[in-house]
Amino acid sequence: MTNRVSYAPQDFQKMCKQAERDHESKKLVVLMERVKRQIAERENPGLKTEISKVVSTDSGFLRLPSRSAPFER
């Protein structure tokens, strides 16, 4: 027999809200990095090629689904 942990409804709701906050904070971090990169590109147009090379390798990692993505909830 396996013992299952059953959370109280309030605990489950708290966990869901915390997960949503974590997800939103990750999206905020990605957005801030994108803005920093855009500012750096505007200030130093010569660095644009170097930055774009680094970003192109990580671009799949940095993209997060939008809130309108199907099956997100």
PDB file of N, CA and C in Angstrom:
ATOM      1  N   MET A   1       0.837  -1.180   0.000  1.00  0.00           N
ATOM      2  CA  MET A   1       0.000   0.000   0.000  1.00  0.00           C
ATOM      3  C   MET A   1       0.886   1.248   0.000  1.00  0.00           C
ATOM      4  N   THR A   2       0.419   2.218  -0.745  1.00  0.00           N
ATOM      5  CA  THR A   2       1.157   3.487  -0.762  1.00  0.00           C
ATOM      6  C   THR A   2       0.374   4.525   0.014  1.00  0.00           C
ATOM      7  N   ASN A   3       1.092   5.318   0.749  1.00  0.00           N
ATOM      8  CA  ASN A   3       0.452   6.400   1.487  1.00  0.00           C
ATOM      9  C   ASN A   3       0.458   7.652   0.632  1.00  0.00           C
ATOM     10  N   ARG A   4      -0.704   8.169   0.381  1.00  0.00           N
ATOM     11  CA  ARG A   4      -0.812   9.391  -0.410  1.00  0.00           C
ATOM     12  C   ARG A   4      -1.000  10.567   0.528  1.00  0.00           C
ATOM     13  N   VAL A   5      -0.344  11.643   0.154  1.00  0.00           N
ATOM     14  CA  VAL A   5      -0.504  12.873   0.926  1.00  0.00           C
ATOM     15  C   VAL A   5      -1.669  13.632   0.319  1.00  0.00           C
ATOM     16  N   SER A   6      -2.655  13.920   1.121  1.00  0.00           N
ATOM     17  CA  SER A   6      -3.771  14.707   0.615  1.00  0.00           C
ATOM     18  C   SER A   6      -3.717  16.077   1.280  1.00  0.00           C
ATOM     19  N   TYR A   7      -3.636  17.076   0.437  1.00  0.00           N
ATOM     20  CA  TYR A   7      -3.553  18.443   0.939  1.00  0.00           C
ATOM     21  C   TYR A   7      -4.938  18.998   1.179  1.00  0.00           C
ATOM     22  N   ALA A   8      -5.042  19.840   2.153  1.00  0.00           N
ATOM     23  CA  ALA A   8      -6.306  20.523   2.406  1.00  0.00           C
ATOM     24  C   ALA A   8      -6.574  21.474   1.247  1.00  0.00           C
ATOM     25  N   PRO A   9      -7.841  21.761   0.951  1.00  0.00           N
ATOM     26  CA  PRO A   9      -8.148  22.651  -0.180  1.00  0.00           C
ATOM     27  C   PRO A   9      -7.431  23.998  -0.098  1.00  0.00           C
ATOM     28  N   GLN A  10      -7.313  24.558   1.111  1.00  0.00           N
ATOM     29  CA  GLN A  10      -6.640  25.849   1.236  1.00  0.00           C
ATOM     30  C   GLN A  10      -5.165  25.709   0.883  1.00  0.00           C
ATOM     31  N   ASP A  11      -4.542  24.618   1.319  1.00  0.00           N
ATOM     32  CA  ASP A  11      -3.133  24.393   1.019  1.00  0.00           C
ATOM     33  C   ASP A  11      -2.911  24.248  -0.481  1.00  0.00           C
ATOM     34  N   PHE A  12      -3.804  23.530  -1.141  1.00  0.00           N
ATOM     35  CA  PHE A  12      -3.676  23.350  -2.583  1.00  0.00           C
ATOM     36  C   PHE A  12      -3.812  24.687  -3.300  1.00  0.00           C
ATOM     37  N   GLN A  13      -4.760  25.511  -2.857  1.00  0.00           N
ATOM     38  CA  GLN A  13      -4.942  26.826  -3.467  1.00  0.00           C
ATOM     39  C   GLN A  13      -3.717  27.702  -3.230  1.00  0.00           C
ATOM     40  N   LYS A  14      -3.147  27.628  -2.034  1.00  0.00           N
ATOM     41  CA  LYS A  14      -1.936  28.396  -1.746  1.00  0.00           C
ATOM     42  C   LYS A  14      -0.785  27.938  -2.636  1.00  0.00           C
ATOM     43  N   MET A  15      -0.670  26.623  -2.819  1.00  0.00           N
ATOM     44  CA  MET A  15       0.400  26.092  -3.663  1.00  0.00           C
ATOM     45  C   MET A  15       0.218  26.548  -5.111  1.00  0.00           C
ATOM     46  N   CYS A  16      -1.012  26.564  -5.591  1.00  0.00           N
ATOM     47  CA  CYS A  16      -1.285  27.011  -6.958  1.00  0.00           C
ATOM     48  C   CYS A  16      -0.946  28.489  -7.129  1.00  0.00           C
ATOM     49  N   LYS A  17      -1.323  29.292  -6.140  1.00  0.00           N
ATOM     50  CA  LYS A  17      -1.013  30.726  -6.211  1.00  0.00           C
ATOM     51  C   LYS A  17       0.489  30.964  -6.167  1.00  0.00           C
ATOM     52  N   GLN A  18       1.196  30.203  -5.347  1.00  0.00           N
ATOM     53  CA  GLN A  18       2.648  30.352  -5.267  1.00  0.00           C
ATOM     54  C   GLN A  18       3.299  29.952  -6.590  1.00  0.00           C
ATOM     55  N   ALA A  19       2.817  28.891  -7.198  1.00  0.00           N
ATOM     56  CA  ALA A  19       3.357  28.450  -8.487  1.00  0.00           C
ATOM     57  C   ALA A  19       3.121  29.511  -9.555  1.00  0.00           C
ATOM     58  N   GLU A  20       1.953  30.135  -9.510  1.00  0.00           N
ATOM     59  CA  GLU A  20       1.654  31.191 -10.478  1.00  0.00           C
ATOM     60  C   GLU A  20       2.557  32.400 -10.256  1.00  0.00           C
ATOM     61  N   ARG A  21       2.802  32.745  -8.990  1.00  0.00           N
ATOM     62  CA  ARG A  21       3.722  33.862  -8.700  1.00  0.00           C
ATOM     63  C   ARG A  21       5.130  33.545  -9.185  1.00  0.00           C
ATOM     64  N   ASP A  22       5.576  32.311  -8.975  1.00  0.00           N
ATOM     65  CA  ASP A  22       6.898  31.901  -9.439  1.00  0.00           C
ATOM     66  C   ASP A  22       7.003  32.011 -10.952  1.00  0.00           C
ATOM     67  N   HIS A  23       5.963  31.573 -11.632  1.00  0.00           N
ATOM     68  CA  HIS A  23       5.954  31.629 -13.089  1.00  0.00           C
ATOM     69  C   HIS A  23       5.999  33.079 -13.566  1.00  0.00           C
ATOM     70  N   GLU A  24       5.214  33.939 -12.922  1.00  0.00           N
ATOM     71  CA  GLU A  24       5.196  35.355 -13.303  1.00  0.00           C
ATOM     72  C   GLU A  24       6.551  36.003 -13.035  1.00  0.00           C
ATOM     73  N   SER A  25       7.206  35.627 -11.940  1.00  0.00           N
ATOM     74  CA  SER A  25       8.506  36.222 -11.640  1.00  0.00           C
ATOM     75  C   SER A  25       9.552  35.765 -12.654  1.00  0.00           C
ATOM     76  N   LYS A  26       9.466  34.528 -13.126  1.00  0.00           N
ATOM     77  CA  LYS A  26      10.387  34.059 -14.172  1.00  0.00           C
ATOM     78  C   LYS A  26      10.177  34.843 -15.453  1.00  0.00           C
ATOM     79  N   LYS A  27       8.910  35.083 -15.798  1.00  0.00           N
ATOM     80  CA  LYS A  27       8.627  35.849 -17.001  1.00  0.00           C
ATOM     81  C   LYS A  27       9.154  37.275 -16.854  1.00  0.00           C
ATOM     82  N   LEU A  28       9.049  37.840 -15.663  1.00  0.00           N
ATOM     83  CA  LEU A  28       9.538  39.187 -15.419  1.00  0.00           C
ATOM     84  C   LEU A  28      11.058  39.251 -15.574  1.00  0.00           C
ATOM     85  N   VAL A  29      11.764  38.255 -15.076  1.00  0.00           N
ATOM     86  CA  VAL A  29      13.223  38.209 -15.200  1.00  0.00           C
ATOM     87  C   VAL A  29      13.619  38.155 -16.672  1.00  0.00           C
ATOM     88  N   VAL A  30      12.926  37.334 -17.458  1.00  0.00           N
ATOM     89  CA  VAL A  30      13.229  37.222 -18.884  1.00  0.00           C
ATOM     90  C   VAL A  30      12.980  38.552 -19.582  1.00  0.00           C
ATOM     91  N   LEU A  31      11.884  39.209 -19.234  1.00  0.00           N
ATOM     92  CA  LEU A  31      11.565  40.497 -19.834  1.00  0.00           C
ATOM     93  C   LEU A  31      12.617  41.543 -19.481  1.00  0.00           C
ATOM     94  N   MET A  32      13.060  41.552 -18.225  1.00  0.00           N
ATOM     95  CA  MET A  32      14.085  42.505 -17.804  1.00  0.00           C
ATOM     96  C   MET A  32      15.391  42.274 -18.565  1.00  0.00           C
ATOM     97  N   GLU A  33      15.778  41.009 -18.750  1.00  0.00           N
ATOM     98  CA  GLU A  33      16.996  40.703 -19.502  1.00  0.00           C
ATOM     99  C   GLU A  33      16.875  41.163 -20.951  1.00  0.00           C
ATOM    100  N   ARG A  34      15.703  40.980 -21.534  1.00  0.00           N
ATOM    101  CA  ARG A  34      15.488  41.405 -22.913  1.00  0.00           C
ATOM    102  C   ARG A  34      15.611  42.921 -23.037  1.00  0.00           C
ATOM    103  N   VAL A  35      15.039  43.647 -22.086  1.00  0.00           N
ATOM    104  CA  VAL A  35      15.118  45.107 -22.107  1.00  0.00           C
ATOM    105  C   VAL A  35      16.560  45.566 -21.920  1.00  0.00           C
ATOM    106  N   LYS A  36      17.286  44.941 -20.996  1.00  0.00           N
ATOM    107  CA  LYS A  36      18.697  45.289 -20.790  1.00  0.00           C
ATOM    108  C   LYS A  36      19.488  45.081 -22.077  1.00  0.00           C
ATOM    109  N   ARG A  37      19.233  43.969 -22.764  1.00  0.00           N
ATOM    110  CA  ARG A  37      19.935  43.674 -24.008  1.00  0.00           C
ATOM    111  C   ARG A  37      19.615  44.715 -25.068  1.00  0.00           C
ATOM    112  N   GLN A  38      18.338  45.116 -25.172  1.00  0.00           N
ATOM    113  CA  GLN A  38      17.946  46.114 -26.161  1.00  0.00           C
ATOM    114  C   GLN A  38      18.596  47.459 -25.863  1.00  0.00           C
ATOM    115  N   ILE A  39      18.682  47.836 -24.590  1.00  0.00           N
ATOM    116  CA  ILE A  39      19.331  49.085 -24.218  1.00  0.00           C
ATOM    117  C   ILE A  39      20.812  49.031 -24.573  1.00  0.00           C
ATOM    118  N   ALA A  40      21.450  47.910 -24.289  1.00  0.00           N
ATOM    119  CA  ALA A  40      22.874  47.764 -24.612  1.00  0.00           C
ATOM    120  C   ALA A  40      23.093  47.837 -26.120  1.00  0.00           C
ATOM    121  N   GLU A  41      22.189  47.258 -26.900  1.00  0.00           N
ATOM    122  CA  GLU A  41      22.319  47.308 -28.357  1.00  0.00           C
ATOM    123  C   GLU A  41      22.164  48.731 -28.867  1.00  0.00           C
ATOM    124  N   ARG A  42      21.274  49.507 -28.265  1.00  0.00           N
ATOM    125  CA  ARG A  42      21.087  50.898 -28.698  1.00  0.00           C
ATOM    126  C   ARG A  42      22.297  51.747 -28.358  1.00  0.00           C
ATOM    127  N   GLU A  43      22.863  51.522 -27.171  1.00  0.00           N
ATOM    128  CA  GLU A  43      24.004  52.331 -26.751  1.00  0.00           C
ATOM    129  C   GLU A  43      25.271  51.961 -27.506  1.00  0.00           C
ATOM    130  N   ASN A  44      25.453  50.689 -27.822  1.00  0.00           N
ATOM    131  CA  ASN A  44      26.657  50.207 -28.502  1.00  0.00           C
ATOM    132  C   ASN A  44      26.253  49.363 -29.707  1.00  0.00           C
ATOM    133  N   PRO A  45      25.991  49.989 -30.859  1.00  0.00           N
ATOM    134  CA  PRO A  45      25.563  49.209 -32.033  1.00  0.00           C
ATOM    135  C   PRO A  45      26.606  48.183 -32.478  1.00  0.00           C
ATOM    136  N   GLY A  46      27.872  48.375 -32.160  1.00  0.00           N
ATOM    137  CA  GLY A  46      28.914  47.425 -32.536  1.00  0.00           C
ATOM    138  C   GLY A  46      28.784  46.110 -31.791  1.00  0.00           C
ATOM    139  N   LEU A  47      28.203  46.138 -30.616  1.00  0.00           N
ATOM    140  CA  LEU A  47      28.058  44.921 -29.818  1.00  0.00           C
ATOM    141  C   LEU A  47      26.869  44.074 -30.264  1.00  0.00           C
ATOM    142  N   LYS A  48      26.064  44.611 -31.146  1.00  0.00           N
ATOM    143  CA  LYS A  48      24.836  43.925 -31.535  1.00  0.00           C
ATOM    144  C   LYS A  48      25.117  42.538 -32.108  1.00  0.00           C
ATOM    145  N   THR A  49      26.140  42.415 -32.929  1.00  0.00           N
ATOM    146  CA  THR A  49      26.415  41.114 -33.530  1.00  0.00           C
ATOM    147  C   THR A  49      26.888  40.111 -32.488  1.00  0.00           C
ATOM    148  N   GLU A  50      27.700  40.558 -31.537  1.00  0.00           N
ATOM    149  CA  GLU A  50      28.186  39.649 -30.498  1.00  0.00           C
ATOM    150  C   GLU A  50      27.046  39.205 -29.588  1.00  0.00           C
ATOM    151  N   ILE A  51      26.191  40.140 -29.211  1.00  0.00           N
ATOM    152  CA  ILE A  51      25.079  39.821 -28.318  1.00  0.00           C
ATOM    153  C   ILE A  51      24.094  38.897 -29.028  1.00  0.00           C
ATOM    154  N   SER A  52      23.814  39.171 -30.308  1.00  0.00           N
ATOM    155  CA  SER A  52      22.834  38.346 -31.018  1.00  0.00           C
ATOM    156  C   SER A  52      23.326  36.912 -31.169  1.00  0.00           C
ATOM    157  N   LYS A  53      24.655  36.710 -31.261  1.00  0.00           N
ATOM    158  CA  LYS A  53      25.184  35.349 -31.342  1.00  0.00           C
ATOM    159  C   LYS A  53      24.917  34.589 -30.052  1.00  0.00           C
ATOM    160  N   VAL A  54      25.118  35.257 -28.932  1.00  0.00           N
ATOM    161  CA  VAL A  54      24.892  34.620 -27.638  1.00  0.00           C
ATOM    162  C   VAL A  54      23.408  34.347 -27.440  1.00  0.00           C
ATOM    163  N   VAL A  55      22.574  35.307 -27.805  1.00  0.00           N
ATOM    164  CA  VAL A  55      21.139  35.165 -27.600  1.00  0.00           C
ATOM    165  C   VAL A  55      20.557  34.101 -28.525  1.00  0.00           C
ATOM    166  N   SER A  56      21.080  33.991 -29.735  1.00  0.00           N
ATOM    167  CA  SER A  56      20.506  33.022 -30.664  1.00  0.00           C
ATOM    168  C   SER A  56      20.664  31.595 -30.149  1.00  0.00           C
ATOM    169  N   THR A  57      21.729  31.322 -29.404  1.00  0.00           N
ATOM    170  CA  THR A  57      21.903  29.975 -28.869  1.00  0.00           C
ATOM    171  C   THR A  57      20.975  29.719 -27.696  1.00  0.00           C
ATOM    172  N   ASP A  58      20.624  30.774 -26.949  1.00  0.00           N
ATOM    173  CA  ASP A  58      19.780  30.614 -25.768  1.00  0.00           C
ATOM    174  C   ASP A  58      18.334  31.032 -26.013  1.00  0.00           C
ATOM    175  N   SER A  59      17.988  31.459 -27.215  1.00  0.00           N
ATOM    176  CA  SER A  59      16.661  32.024 -27.433  1.00  0.00           C
ATOM    177  C   SER A  59      15.554  31.016 -27.134  1.00  0.00           C
ATOM    178  N   GLY A  60      15.769  29.739 -27.417  1.00  0.00           N
ATOM    179  CA  GLY A  60      14.758  28.733 -27.102  1.00  0.00           C
ATOM    180  C   GLY A  60      14.555  28.596 -25.614  1.00  0.00           C
ATOM    181  N   PHE A  61      15.605  28.821 -24.858  1.00  0.00           N
ATOM    182  CA  PHE A  61      15.531  28.714 -23.401  1.00  0.00           C
ATOM    183  C   PHE A  61      14.818  29.916 -22.799  1.00  0.00           C
ATOM    184  N   LEU A  62      15.018  31.087 -23.374  1.00  0.00           N
ATOM    185  CA  LEU A  62      14.474  32.310 -22.796  1.00  0.00           C
ATOM    186  C   LEU A  62      12.993  32.509 -23.100  1.00  0.00           C
ATOM    187  N   ARG A  63      12.478  31.885 -24.144  1.00  0.00           N
ATOM    188  CA  ARG A  63      11.086  32.087 -24.505  1.00  0.00           C
ATOM    189  C   ARG A  63      10.176  31.319 -23.546  1.00  0.00           C
ATOM    190  N   LEU A  64       9.238  32.046 -22.978  1.00  0.00           N
ATOM    191  CA  LEU A  64       8.237  31.425 -22.120  1.00  0.00           C
ATOM    192  C   LEU A  64       6.876  31.572 -22.786  1.00  0.00           C
ATOM    193  N   PRO A  65       5.980  30.636 -22.591  1.00  0.00           N
ATOM    194  CA  PRO A  65       4.666  30.751 -23.224  1.00  0.00           C
ATOM    195  C   PRO A  65       3.878  31.925 -22.655  1.00  0.00           C
ATOM    196  N   SER A  66       3.074  32.504 -23.501  1.00  0.00           N
ATOM    197  CA  SER A  66       2.243  33.611 -23.046  1.00  0.00           C
ATOM    198  C   SER A  66       1.063  33.067 -22.253  1.00  0.00           C
ATOM    199  N   ARG A  67       0.360  33.962 -21.586  1.00  0.00           N
ATOM    200  CA  ARG A  67      -0.795  33.535 -20.785  1.00  0.00           C
ATOM    201  C   ARG A  67      -1.916  33.000 -21.660  1.00  0.00           C
ATOM    202  N   SER A  68      -1.949  33.388 -22.931  1.00  0.00           N
ATOM    203  CA  SER A  68      -3.031  32.942 -23.807  1.00  0.00           C
ATOM    204  C   SER A  68      -2.741  31.586 -24.432  1.00  0.00           C
ATOM    205  N   ALA A  69      -1.627  30.979 -24.052  1.00  0.00           N
ATOM    206  CA  ALA A  69      -1.283  29.672 -24.627  1.00  0.00           C
ATOM    207  C   ALA A  69      -2.321  28.638 -24.205  1.00  0.00           C
ATOM    208  N   PRO A  70      -2.752  27.804 -25.154  1.00  0.00           N
ATOM    209  CA  PRO A  70      -3.748  26.775 -24.801  1.00  0.00           C
ATOM    210  C   PRO A  70      -3.148  25.738 -23.861  1.00  0.00           C
ATOM    211  N   PHE A  71      -3.980  25.190 -23.055  1.00  0.00           N
ATOM    212  CA  PHE A  71      -3.633  24.126 -22.105  1.00  0.00           C
ATOM    213  C   PHE A  71      -2.678  24.583 -21.026  1.00  0.00           C
ATOM    214  N   GLU A  72      -2.534  25.889 -20.810  1.00  0.00           N
ATOM    215  CA  GLU A  72      -1.602  26.342 -19.779  1.00  0.00           C
ATOM    216  C   GLU A  72      -2.150  26.079 -18.389  1.00  0.00           C
ATOM    217  N   ARG A  73      -3.438  26.181 -18.240  1.00  0.00           N
ATOM    218  CA  ARG A  73      -4.013  25.981 -16.906  1.00  0.00           C
ATOM    219  C   ARG A  73      -4.618  24.627 -16.798  1.00  0.00           C
TER     220      ARG A  73
END
